Amino acid sequence: MLAPRLTLCVDDFGLHAGIHQAAEVLAGLGRIGAVSCMVAAPCWPAAAEAAAEFATSHVGVGLHLDLTEHTVDPRCRAPLAEWMARSALGRIDSLRLRGEIEAQLDRFEHSVGREPTHVDGHQHVHQLPGVREVLLSVLAGRYLSLPWVRSTRVPAAAGAKARVIQALGERGLRELCETTGLAQNGHLLGVYGFHGGADRYLALLTGWLRCARDGDLLMCHPSMASDGVALAAARRCEFDVLAGPAFAALVRLSGVQLAPFVAQPKERS
């Protein structure tokens, strides 16, 4: 029986120097299979070179669509709560949103030298009603080889925070992806409250790996920096655990294979 393949993805790549430094170390250890890039973030120019190198290796490089912190068009930037309200009320400016998505994809392709292997959203904004329709329309119109799109579907044992994230739009996004022909990961693992220290994070990883199935995605937010970035203590903790021997032993004991996500080919309708 083949070991289930699990993709470990570093989110927020480009937000802070410590994040892309952490990703480079973890890639060298063979522990990550993807990075998701914030192409309008302050440190993206410095991180872009590493992203381009990843794109020629075993690490998938995708767009971490950001509408809440760092956008190309400042008029398209708003807090997550405002995007949720606009979504619920049907008041999203689709033309401006389309322009922002196109601009972020343009910047990604210019820096990385290729199309994204996948697309997801900072704070999971990509799955909101009104956003997901525009995003998938852009992807379907732009690419012959479609990227895979992050699903926030959670396993049965998931906690409350993960279930809230799923409820924000997982089902609607899944139905659109099925119609459009875009592949998705299985379950999303790695959701927690960013507190508790190294011991708790390792315990959470133990649970996530225990329930992992083939094609699942484990998101992470590591950084080698201990300050200057949001959630700095948790990010440093994640890096220390993921780069350490305890995680390597856990992977062996869990019987999972850390690997890039391989999308099953689908026919375009």
C-alpha atoms as a PDB file:
ATOM      1  CA  MET A   1       0.000   0.000   0.000  1.00  0.00           C
ATOM      2  CA  LEU A   2       1.371   3.392  -1.010  1.00  0.00           C
ATOM      3  CA  ALA A   3       1.977   5.997   1.698  1.00  0.00           C
ATOM      4  CA  PRO A   4      -0.501   8.887   1.608  1.00  0.00           C
ATOM      5  CA  ARG A   5       1.030  11.987   0.028  1.00  0.00           C
ATOM      6  CA  LEU A   6       0.765  15.119   2.131  1.00  0.00           C
ATOM      7  CA  THR A   7       1.788  18.557   0.903  1.00  0.00           C
ATOM      8  CA  LEU A   8       3.266  20.943   3.446  1.00  0.00           C
ATOM      9  CA  CYS A   9       2.766  24.511   2.178  1.00  0.00           C
ATOM     10  CA  VAL A  10       4.413  27.675   3.544  1.00  0.00           C
ATOM     11  CA  ASP A  11       1.923  30.546   3.411  1.00  0.00           C
ATOM     12  CA  ASP A  12       2.702  34.296   3.417  1.00  0.00           C
ATOM     13  CA  PHE A  13       5.873  33.868   1.339  1.00  0.00           C
ATOM     14  CA  GLY A  14       7.146  37.383   0.641  1.00  0.00           C
ATOM     15  CA  LEU A  15       5.634  39.015   3.699  1.00  0.00           C
ATOM     16  CA  HIS A  16       8.853  39.040   5.725  1.00  0.00           C
ATOM     17  CA  ALA A  17      12.466  38.030   5.120  1.00  0.00           C
ATOM     18  CA  GLY A  18      12.340  35.480   7.929  1.00  0.00           C
ATOM     19  CA  ILE A  19       9.539  33.617   6.140  1.00  0.00           C
ATOM     20  CA  HIS A  20      11.335  33.025   2.858  1.00  0.00           C
ATOM     21  CA  GLN A  21      14.510  32.182   4.769  1.00  0.00           C
ATOM     22  CA  ALA A  22      12.568  29.574   6.736  1.00  0.00           C
ATOM     23  CA  ALA A  23      11.067  28.174   3.530  1.00  0.00           C
ATOM     24  CA  GLU A  24      14.516  27.817   1.957  1.00  0.00           C
ATOM     25  CA  VAL A  25      15.787  25.855   4.964  1.00  0.00           C
ATOM     26  CA  LEU A  26      12.711  23.617   5.075  1.00  0.00           C
ATOM     27  CA  ALA A  27      12.917  22.996   1.328  1.00  0.00           C
ATOM     28  CA  GLY A  28      16.550  21.991   1.740  1.00  0.00           C
ATOM     29  CA  LEU A  29      15.451  19.469   4.357  1.00  0.00           C
ATOM     30  CA  GLY A  30      12.816  18.089   1.982  1.00  0.00           C
ATOM     31  CA  ARG A  31       9.950  19.027   4.285  1.00  0.00           C
ATOM     32  CA  ILE A  32       7.842  21.399   2.195  1.00  0.00           C
ATOM     33  CA  GLY A  33       6.168  20.799  -1.138  1.00  0.00           C
ATOM     34  CA  ALA A  34       4.770  24.265  -1.848  1.00  0.00           C
ATOM     35  CA  VAL A  35       4.982  27.968  -1.060  1.00  0.00           C
ATOM     36  CA  SER A  36       2.189  30.530  -1.526  1.00  0.00           C
ATOM     37  CA  CYS A  37       3.376  34.004  -2.481  1.00  0.00           C
ATOM     38  CA  MET A  38       2.153  37.463  -1.460  1.00  0.00           C
ATOM     39  CA  VAL A  39       3.390  39.384  -4.484  1.00  0.00           C
ATOM     40  CA  ALA A  40       2.488  42.876  -3.265  1.00  0.00           C
ATOM     41  CA  ALA A  41       4.022  42.395   0.196  1.00  0.00           C
ATOM     42  CA  PRO A  42       7.071  44.419   1.283  1.00  0.00           C
ATOM     43  CA  CYS A  43       9.625  41.608   1.044  1.00  0.00           C
ATOM     44  CA  TRP A  44       8.394  40.059  -2.185  1.00  0.00           C
ATOM     45  CA  PRO A  45      11.227  41.507  -4.336  1.00  0.00           C
ATOM     46  CA  ALA A  46      13.762  39.790  -2.067  1.00  0.00           C
ATOM     47  CA  ALA A  47      11.753  36.576  -1.901  1.00  0.00           C
ATOM     48  CA  ALA A  48      11.036  36.410  -5.636  1.00  0.00           C
ATOM     49  CA  GLU A  49      14.486  35.045  -6.482  1.00  0.00           C
ATOM     50  CA  ALA A  50      13.980  32.141  -4.085  1.00  0.00           C
ATOM     51  CA  ALA A  51      10.498  31.575  -5.515  1.00  0.00           C
ATOM     52  CA  ALA A  52      11.916  31.378  -9.040  1.00  0.00           C
ATOM     53  CA  GLU A  53      14.451  28.801  -7.869  1.00  0.00           C
ATOM     54  CA  PHE A  54      11.703  26.777  -6.182  1.00  0.00           C
ATOM     55  CA  ALA A  55       9.760  26.802  -9.452  1.00  0.00           C
ATOM     56  CA  THR A  56      12.547  24.803 -11.119  1.00  0.00           C
ATOM     57  CA  SER A  57      12.678  22.261  -8.285  1.00  0.00           C
ATOM     58  CA  HIS A  58      10.313  19.944  -6.452  1.00  0.00           C
ATOM     59  CA  VAL A  59       8.531  22.801  -4.628  1.00  0.00           C
ATOM     60  CA  GLY A  60       5.283  24.111  -6.094  1.00  0.00           C
ATOM     61  CA  VAL A  61       5.013  27.910  -6.235  1.00  0.00           C
ATOM     62  CA  GLY A  62       1.603  29.533  -6.149  1.00  0.00           C
ATOM     63  CA  LEU A  63      -0.203  32.807  -5.593  1.00  0.00           C
ATOM     64  CA  HIS A  64      -1.438  33.660  -2.097  1.00  0.00           C
ATOM     65  CA  LEU A  65      -4.138  36.082  -3.252  1.00  0.00           C
ATOM     66  CA  ASP A  66      -4.132  38.982  -0.801  1.00  0.00           C
ATOM     67  CA  LEU A  67      -7.041  41.396  -0.601  1.00  0.00           C
ATOM     68  CA  THR A  68      -6.711  42.365   3.066  1.00  0.00           C
ATOM     69  CA  GLU A  69      -3.125  43.502   3.711  1.00  0.00           C
ATOM     70  CA  HIS A  70      -1.013  44.127   0.595  1.00  0.00           C
ATOM     71  CA  THR A  71      -2.665  44.746  -2.754  1.00  0.00           C
ATOM     72  CA  VAL A  72      -1.382  46.161  -6.041  1.00  0.00           C
ATOM     73  CA  ASP A  73      -4.330  48.584  -6.159  1.00  0.00           C
ATOM     74  CA  PRO A  74      -4.829  50.222  -2.735  1.00  0.00           C
ATOM     75  CA  ARG A  75      -8.519  50.722  -3.530  1.00  0.00           C
ATOM     76  CA  CYS A  76      -8.969  46.955  -3.509  1.00  0.00           C
ATOM     77  CA  ARG A  77      -7.601  46.538   0.020  1.00  0.00           C
ATOM     78  CA  ALA A  78      -9.986  46.058   2.946  1.00  0.00           C
ATOM     79  CA  PRO A  79     -10.064  44.131   6.240  1.00  0.00           C
ATOM     80  CA  LEU A  80     -11.391  40.576   6.120  1.00  0.00           C
ATOM     81  CA  ALA A  81     -14.559  41.581   8.000  1.00  0.00           C
ATOM     82  CA  GLU A  82     -15.339  44.148   5.298  1.00  0.00           C
ATOM     83  CA  TRP A  83     -14.793  41.590   2.524  1.00  0.00           C
ATOM     84  CA  MET A  84     -17.109  39.203   4.355  1.00  0.00           C
ATOM     85  CA  ALA A  85     -19.758  41.913   4.647  1.00  0.00           C
ATOM     86  CA  ARG A  86     -19.458  42.871   0.984  1.00  0.00           C
ATOM     87  CA  SER A  87     -19.711  39.197   0.077  1.00  0.00           C
ATOM     88  CA  ALA A  88     -22.812  38.637   2.172  1.00  0.00           C
ATOM     89  CA  LEU A  89     -24.498  41.743   0.742  1.00  0.00           C
ATOM     90  CA  GLY A  90     -23.480  41.104  -2.850  1.00  0.00           C
ATOM     91  CA  ARG A  91     -21.559  44.399  -3.012  1.00  0.00           C
ATOM     92  CA  ILE A  92     -18.202  43.293  -4.395  1.00  0.00           C
ATOM     93  CA  ASP A  93     -16.874  45.429  -7.247  1.00  0.00           C
ATOM     94  CA  SER A  94     -16.199  42.598  -9.698  1.00  0.00           C
ATOM     95  CA  LEU A  95     -14.370  44.729 -12.260  1.00  0.00           C
ATOM     96  CA  ARG A  96     -11.952  46.158  -9.702  1.00  0.00           C
ATOM     97  CA  LEU A  97     -11.470  42.716  -8.151  1.00  0.00           C
ATOM     98  CA  ARG A  98     -10.742  41.196 -11.556  1.00  0.00           C
ATOM     99  CA  GLY A  99      -8.154  43.880 -12.187  1.00  0.00           C
ATOM    100  CA  GLU A 100      -6.470  43.161  -8.845  1.00  0.00           C
ATOM    101  CA  ILE A 101      -6.358  39.410  -9.437  1.00  0.00           C
ATOM    102  CA  GLU A 102      -4.914  39.936 -12.916  1.00  0.00           C
ATOM    103  CA  ALA A 103      -2.342  42.382 -11.525  1.00  0.00           C
ATOM    104  CA  GLN A 104      -1.205  39.939  -8.845  1.00  0.00           C
ATOM    105  CA  LEU A 105      -0.929  37.132 -11.402  1.00  0.00           C
ATOM    106  CA  ASP A 106       1.022  39.444 -13.731  1.00  0.00           C
ATOM    107  CA  ARG A 107       3.437  40.296 -10.935  1.00  0.00           C
ATOM    108  CA  PHE A 108       3.774  36.617 -10.004  1.00  0.00           C
ATOM    109  CA  GLU A 109       4.550  35.520 -13.560  1.00  0.00           C
ATOM    110  CA  HIS A 110       7.000  38.384 -14.115  1.00  0.00           C
ATOM    111  CA  SER A 111       8.940  37.514 -10.958  1.00  0.00           C
ATOM    112  CA  VAL A 112       8.773  33.720 -10.997  1.00  0.00           C
ATOM    113  CA  GLY A 113       8.989  33.243 -14.770  1.00  0.00           C
ATOM    114  CA  ARG A 114       6.096  30.819 -15.016  1.00  0.00           C
ATOM    115  CA  GLU A 115       2.428  30.416 -14.169  1.00  0.00           C
ATOM    116  CA  PRO A 116       1.434  29.466 -10.605  1.00  0.00           C
ATOM    117  CA  THR A 117       1.085  25.810  -9.718  1.00  0.00           C
ATOM    118  CA  HIS A 118      -1.760  26.743  -7.382  1.00  0.00           C
ATOM    119  CA  VAL A 119      -3.811  29.639  -6.040  1.00  0.00           C
ATOM    120  CA  ASP A 120      -5.159  30.199  -2.542  1.00  0.00           C
ATOM    121  CA  GLY A 121      -6.083  33.207  -0.452  1.00  0.00           C
ATOM    122  CA  HIS A 122      -4.569  35.120   2.429  1.00  0.00           C
ATOM    123  CA  GLN A 123      -7.053  34.678   5.294  1.00  0.00           C
ATOM    124  CA  HIS A 124      -8.894  32.287   2.919  1.00  0.00           C
ATOM    125  CA  VAL A 125     -10.491  35.214   1.095  1.00  0.00           C
ATOM    126  CA  HIS A 126     -10.380  33.319  -2.209  1.00  0.00           C
ATOM    127  CA  GLN A 127     -13.399  31.198  -1.249  1.00  0.00           C
ATOM    128  CA  LEU A 128     -15.819  34.015  -0.385  1.00  0.00           C
ATOM    129  CA  PRO A 129     -18.946  34.281  -2.559  1.00  0.00           C
ATOM    130  CA  GLY A 130     -18.347  37.004  -5.108  1.00  0.00           C
ATOM    131  CA  VAL A 131     -14.579  36.551  -4.921  1.00  0.00           C
ATOM    132  CA  ARG A 132     -14.435  32.903  -5.935  1.00  0.00           C
ATOM    133  CA  GLU A 133     -16.504  33.435  -9.087  1.00  0.00           C
ATOM    134  CA  VAL A 134     -14.214  36.207 -10.333  1.00  0.00           C
ATOM    135  CA  LEU A 135     -11.072  34.287  -9.379  1.00  0.00           C
ATOM    136  CA  LEU A 136     -12.055  31.106 -11.195  1.00  0.00           C
ATOM    137  CA  SER A 137     -13.211  33.071 -14.225  1.00  0.00           C
ATOM    138  CA  VAL A 138      -9.798  34.740 -14.429  1.00  0.00           C
ATOM    139  CA  LEU A 139      -7.924  31.447 -14.022  1.00  0.00           C
ATOM    140  CA  ALA A 140     -10.043  29.619 -16.593  1.00  0.00           C
ATOM    141  CA  GLY A 141      -9.638  32.438 -19.099  1.00  0.00           C
ATOM    142  CA  ARG A 142      -5.936  32.923 -18.520  1.00  0.00           C
ATOM    143  CA  TYR A 143      -4.413  29.443 -18.360  1.00  0.00           C
ATOM    144  CA  LEU A 144      -4.528  26.344 -20.542  1.00  0.00           C
ATOM    145  CA  SER A 145      -2.925  24.288 -17.781  1.00  0.00           C
ATOM    146  CA  LEU A 146      -5.111  25.159 -14.818  1.00  0.00           C
ATOM    147  CA  PRO A 147      -3.600  25.645 -11.357  1.00  0.00           C
ATOM    148  CA  TRP A 148      -5.098  23.783  -8.438  1.00  0.00           C
ATOM    149  CA  VAL A 149      -7.094  25.821  -5.943  1.00  0.00           C
ATOM    150  CA  ARG A 150      -6.983  25.412  -2.181  1.00  0.00           C
ATOM    151  CA  SER A 151      -9.920  23.727  -0.526  1.00  0.00           C
ATOM    152  CA  THR A 152     -10.673  24.445   3.131  1.00  0.00           C
ATOM    153  CA  ARG A 153     -12.544  21.166   3.618  1.00  0.00           C
ATOM    154  CA  VAL A 154     -11.704  19.813   7.056  1.00  0.00           C
ATOM    155  CA  PRO A 155     -11.488  16.268   8.406  1.00  0.00           C
ATOM    156  CA  ALA A 156     -14.093  14.935  10.825  1.00  0.00           C
ATOM    157  CA  ALA A 157     -11.971  15.644  13.903  1.00  0.00           C
ATOM    158  CA  ALA A 158     -11.324  19.310  13.049  1.00  0.00           C
ATOM    159  CA  GLY A 159     -11.756  22.000  15.671  1.00  0.00           C
ATOM    160  CA  ALA A 160     -14.108  24.952  15.756  1.00  0.00           C
ATOM    161  CA  LYS A 161     -11.808  27.456  14.021  1.00  0.00           C
ATOM    162  CA  ALA A 162     -11.240  25.119  11.086  1.00  0.00           C
ATOM    163  CA  ARG A 163     -14.985  24.534  10.747  1.00  0.00           C
ATOM    164  CA  VAL A 164     -15.675  28.272  10.718  1.00  0.00           C
ATOM    165  CA  ILE A 165     -13.142  28.737   7.917  1.00  0.00           C
ATOM    166  CA  GLN A 166     -14.745  25.908   5.958  1.00  0.00           C
ATOM    167  CA  ALA A 167     -18.199  27.451   6.425  1.00  0.00           C
ATOM    168  CA  LEU A 168     -17.082  30.697   4.779  1.00  0.00           C
ATOM    169  CA  GLY A 169     -17.254  29.169   1.324  1.00  0.00           C
ATOM    170  CA  GLU A 170     -15.717  25.712   0.916  1.00  0.00           C
ATOM    171  CA  ARG A 171     -18.768  24.067  -0.616  1.00  0.00           C
ATOM    172  CA  GLY A 172     -19.472  26.822  -3.118  1.00  0.00           C
ATOM    173  CA  LEU A 173     -15.837  26.938  -4.198  1.00  0.00           C
ATOM    174  CA  ARG A 174     -15.743  23.160  -4.574  1.00  0.00           C
ATOM    175  CA  GLU A 175     -18.822  23.181  -6.811  1.00  0.00           C
ATOM    176  CA  LEU A 176     -17.308  25.913  -8.988  1.00  0.00           C
ATOM    177  CA  CYS A 177     -14.009  24.046  -9.269  1.00  0.00           C
ATOM    178  CA  GLU A 178     -15.831  20.895 -10.321  1.00  0.00           C
ATOM    179  CA  THR A 179     -17.709  22.843 -12.994  1.00  0.00           C
ATOM    180  CA  THR A 180     -14.636  24.714 -14.223  1.00  0.00           C
ATOM    181  CA  GLY A 181     -12.266  21.733 -14.092  1.00  0.00           C
ATOM    182  CA  LEU A 182      -9.845  23.012 -11.469  1.00  0.00           C
ATOM    183  CA  ALA A 183      -8.343  20.441  -9.112  1.00  0.00           C
ATOM    184  CA  GLN A 184      -8.255  20.891  -5.347  1.00  0.00           C
ATOM    185  CA  ASN A 185      -6.448  19.357  -2.410  1.00  0.00           C
ATOM    186  CA  GLY A 186      -8.328  16.933  -0.184  1.00  0.00           C
ATOM    187  CA  HIS A 187      -8.555  18.192   3.391  1.00  0.00           C
ATOM    188  CA  LEU A 188      -6.931  21.321   4.788  1.00  0.00           C
ATOM    189  CA  LEU A 189      -4.842  20.663   7.893  1.00  0.00           C
ATOM    190  CA  GLY A 190      -2.847  23.114  10.007  1.00  0.00           C
ATOM    191  CA  VAL A 191      -5.574  25.393  11.360  1.00  0.00           C
ATOM    192  CA  TYR A 192      -5.072  26.420  14.998  1.00  0.00           C
ATOM    193  CA  GLY A 193      -5.048  29.506  17.184  1.00  0.00           C
ATOM    194  CA  PHE A 194      -1.290  30.273  16.916  1.00  0.00           C
ATOM    195  CA  HIS A 195      -0.640  29.763  20.610  1.00  0.00           C
ATOM    196  CA  GLY A 196       0.631  27.090  22.966  1.00  0.00           C
ATOM    197  CA  GLY A 197       4.332  26.818  22.187  1.00  0.00           C
ATOM    198  CA  ALA A 198       6.436  24.102  20.606  1.00  0.00           C
ATOM    199  CA  ASP A 199       5.015  21.193  22.584  1.00  0.00           C
ATOM    200  CA  ARG A 200       1.450  22.032  21.615  1.00  0.00           C
ATOM    201  CA  TYR A 201       2.357  22.571  17.964  1.00  0.00           C
ATOM    202  CA  LEU A 202       4.107  19.206  17.833  1.00  0.00           C
ATOM    203  CA  ALA A 203       1.053  17.599  19.440  1.00  0.00           C
ATOM    204  CA  LEU A 204      -1.178  19.235  16.830  1.00  0.00           C
ATOM    205  CA  LEU A 205       1.093  18.000  14.049  1.00  0.00           C
ATOM    206  CA  THR A 206       0.820  14.506  15.486  1.00  0.00           C
ATOM    207  CA  GLY A 207      -2.960  14.662  15.194  1.00  0.00           C
ATOM    208  CA  TRP A 208      -2.895  16.176  11.707  1.00  0.00           C
ATOM    209  CA  LEU A 209      -0.490  13.574  10.350  1.00  0.00           C
ATOM    210  CA  ARG A 210      -2.451  10.781  11.990  1.00  0.00           C
ATOM    211  CA  CYS A 211      -5.616  11.730  10.091  1.00  0.00           C
ATOM    212  CA  ALA A 212      -3.896  12.729   6.817  1.00  0.00           C
ATOM    213  CA  ARG A 213      -5.165  11.181   3.609  1.00  0.00           C
ATOM    214  CA  ASP A 214      -3.633  11.153   0.138  1.00  0.00           C
ATOM    215  CA  GLY A 215      -3.861  14.607  -1.443  1.00  0.00           C
ATOM    216  CA  ASP A 216      -4.333  16.532   1.795  1.00  0.00           C
ATOM    217  CA  LEU A 217      -2.648  19.888   2.419  1.00  0.00           C
ATOM    218  CA  LEU A 218      -0.988  21.019   5.641  1.00  0.00           C
ATOM    219  CA  MET A 219      -0.567  24.793   5.688  1.00  0.00           C
ATOM    220  CA  CYS A 220       2.101  26.342   7.898  1.00  0.00           C
ATOM    221  CA  HIS A 221       3.422  29.813   8.689  1.00  0.00           C
ATOM    222  CA  PRO A 222       7.079  29.439   9.741  1.00  0.00           C
ATOM    223  CA  SER A 223       9.638  32.212  10.062  1.00  0.00           C
ATOM    224  CA  MET A 224      13.236  32.372  11.198  1.00  0.00           C
ATOM    225  CA  ALA A 225      12.634  35.862  12.596  1.00  0.00           C
ATOM    226  CA  SER A 226      11.396  36.426  16.123  1.00  0.00           C
ATOM    227  CA  ASP A 227      10.081  39.952  15.566  1.00  0.00           C
ATOM    228  CA  GLY A 228       8.935  42.362  12.891  1.00  0.00           C
ATOM    229  CA  VAL A 229       6.085  40.230  11.586  1.00  0.00           C
ATOM    230  CA  ALA A 230       2.606  39.368  12.835  1.00  0.00           C
ATOM    231  CA  LEU A 231       2.414  36.235  14.997  1.00  0.00           C
ATOM    232  CA  ALA A 232       6.213  36.293  15.276  1.00  0.00           C
ATOM    233  CA  ALA A 233       6.469  33.946  18.276  1.00  0.00           C
ATOM    234  CA  ALA A 234       4.183  31.340  16.713  1.00  0.00           C
ATOM    235  CA  ARG A 235       5.981  31.564  13.370  1.00  0.00           C
ATOM    236  CA  ARG A 236       9.369  31.032  14.994  1.00  0.00           C
ATOM    237  CA  CYS A 237       7.948  28.133  16.977  1.00  0.00           C
ATOM    238  CA  GLU A 238       6.583  26.524  13.809  1.00  0.00           C
ATOM    239  CA  PHE A 239       9.959  26.806  12.115  1.00  0.00           C
ATOM    240  CA  ASP A 240      11.844  25.299  15.038  1.00  0.00           C
ATOM    241  CA  VAL A 241       9.483  22.324  15.185  1.00  0.00           C
ATOM    242  CA  LEU A 242       9.254  21.725  11.428  1.00  0.00           C
ATOM    243  CA  ALA A 243      13.021  21.933  10.994  1.00  0.00           C
ATOM    244  CA  GLY A 244      13.747  19.735  14.004  1.00  0.00           C
ATOM    245  CA  PRO A 245      14.352  16.009  14.459  1.00  0.00           C
ATOM    246  CA  ALA A 246      11.075  15.416  16.295  1.00  0.00           C
ATOM    247  CA  PHE A 247       9.072  16.319  13.193  1.00  0.00           C
ATOM    248  CA  ALA A 248      11.242  14.108  10.995  1.00  0.00           C
ATOM    249  CA  ALA A 249      10.610  11.218  13.386  1.00  0.00           C
ATOM    250  CA  LEU A 250       6.892  11.988  13.436  1.00  0.00           C
ATOM    251  CA  VAL A 251       6.711  11.838   9.641  1.00  0.00           C
ATOM    252  CA  ARG A 252       8.393   8.427   9.652  1.00  0.00           C
ATOM    253  CA  LEU A 253       6.111   7.064  12.358  1.00  0.00           C
ATOM    254  CA  SER A 254       2.985   8.448  10.670  1.00  0.00           C
ATOM    255  CA  GLY A 255       3.775   6.708   7.406  1.00  0.00           C
ATOM    256  CA  VAL A 256       3.034   9.767   5.256  1.00  0.00           C
ATOM    257  CA  GLN A 257       5.064  10.985   2.311  1.00  0.00           C
ATOM    258  CA  LEU A 258       5.800  14.700   2.189  1.00  0.00           C
ATOM    259  CA  ALA A 259       5.495  15.678  -1.464  1.00  0.00           C
ATOM    260  CA  PRO A 260       4.291  18.424  -3.816  1.00  0.00           C
ATOM    261  CA  PHE A 261       0.598  18.300  -4.632  1.00  0.00           C
ATOM    262  CA  VAL A 262      -0.030  16.499  -7.905  1.00  0.00           C
ATOM    263  CA  ALA A 263      -3.316  17.578  -9.474  1.00  0.00           C
ATOM    264  CA  GLN A 264      -5.247  14.861 -11.219  1.00  0.00           C
ATOM    265  CA  PRO A 265      -5.679  15.874 -14.882  1.00  0.00           C
ATOM    266  CA  LYS A 266      -9.182  16.993 -15.813  1.00  0.00           C
ATOM    267  CA  GLU A 267     -10.764  17.692 -19.151  1.00  0.00           C
ATOM    268  CA  ARG A 268     -11.786  21.265 -19.835  1.00  0.00           C
ATOM    269  CA  SER A 269     -15.480  21.547 -20.677  1.00  0.00           C
END
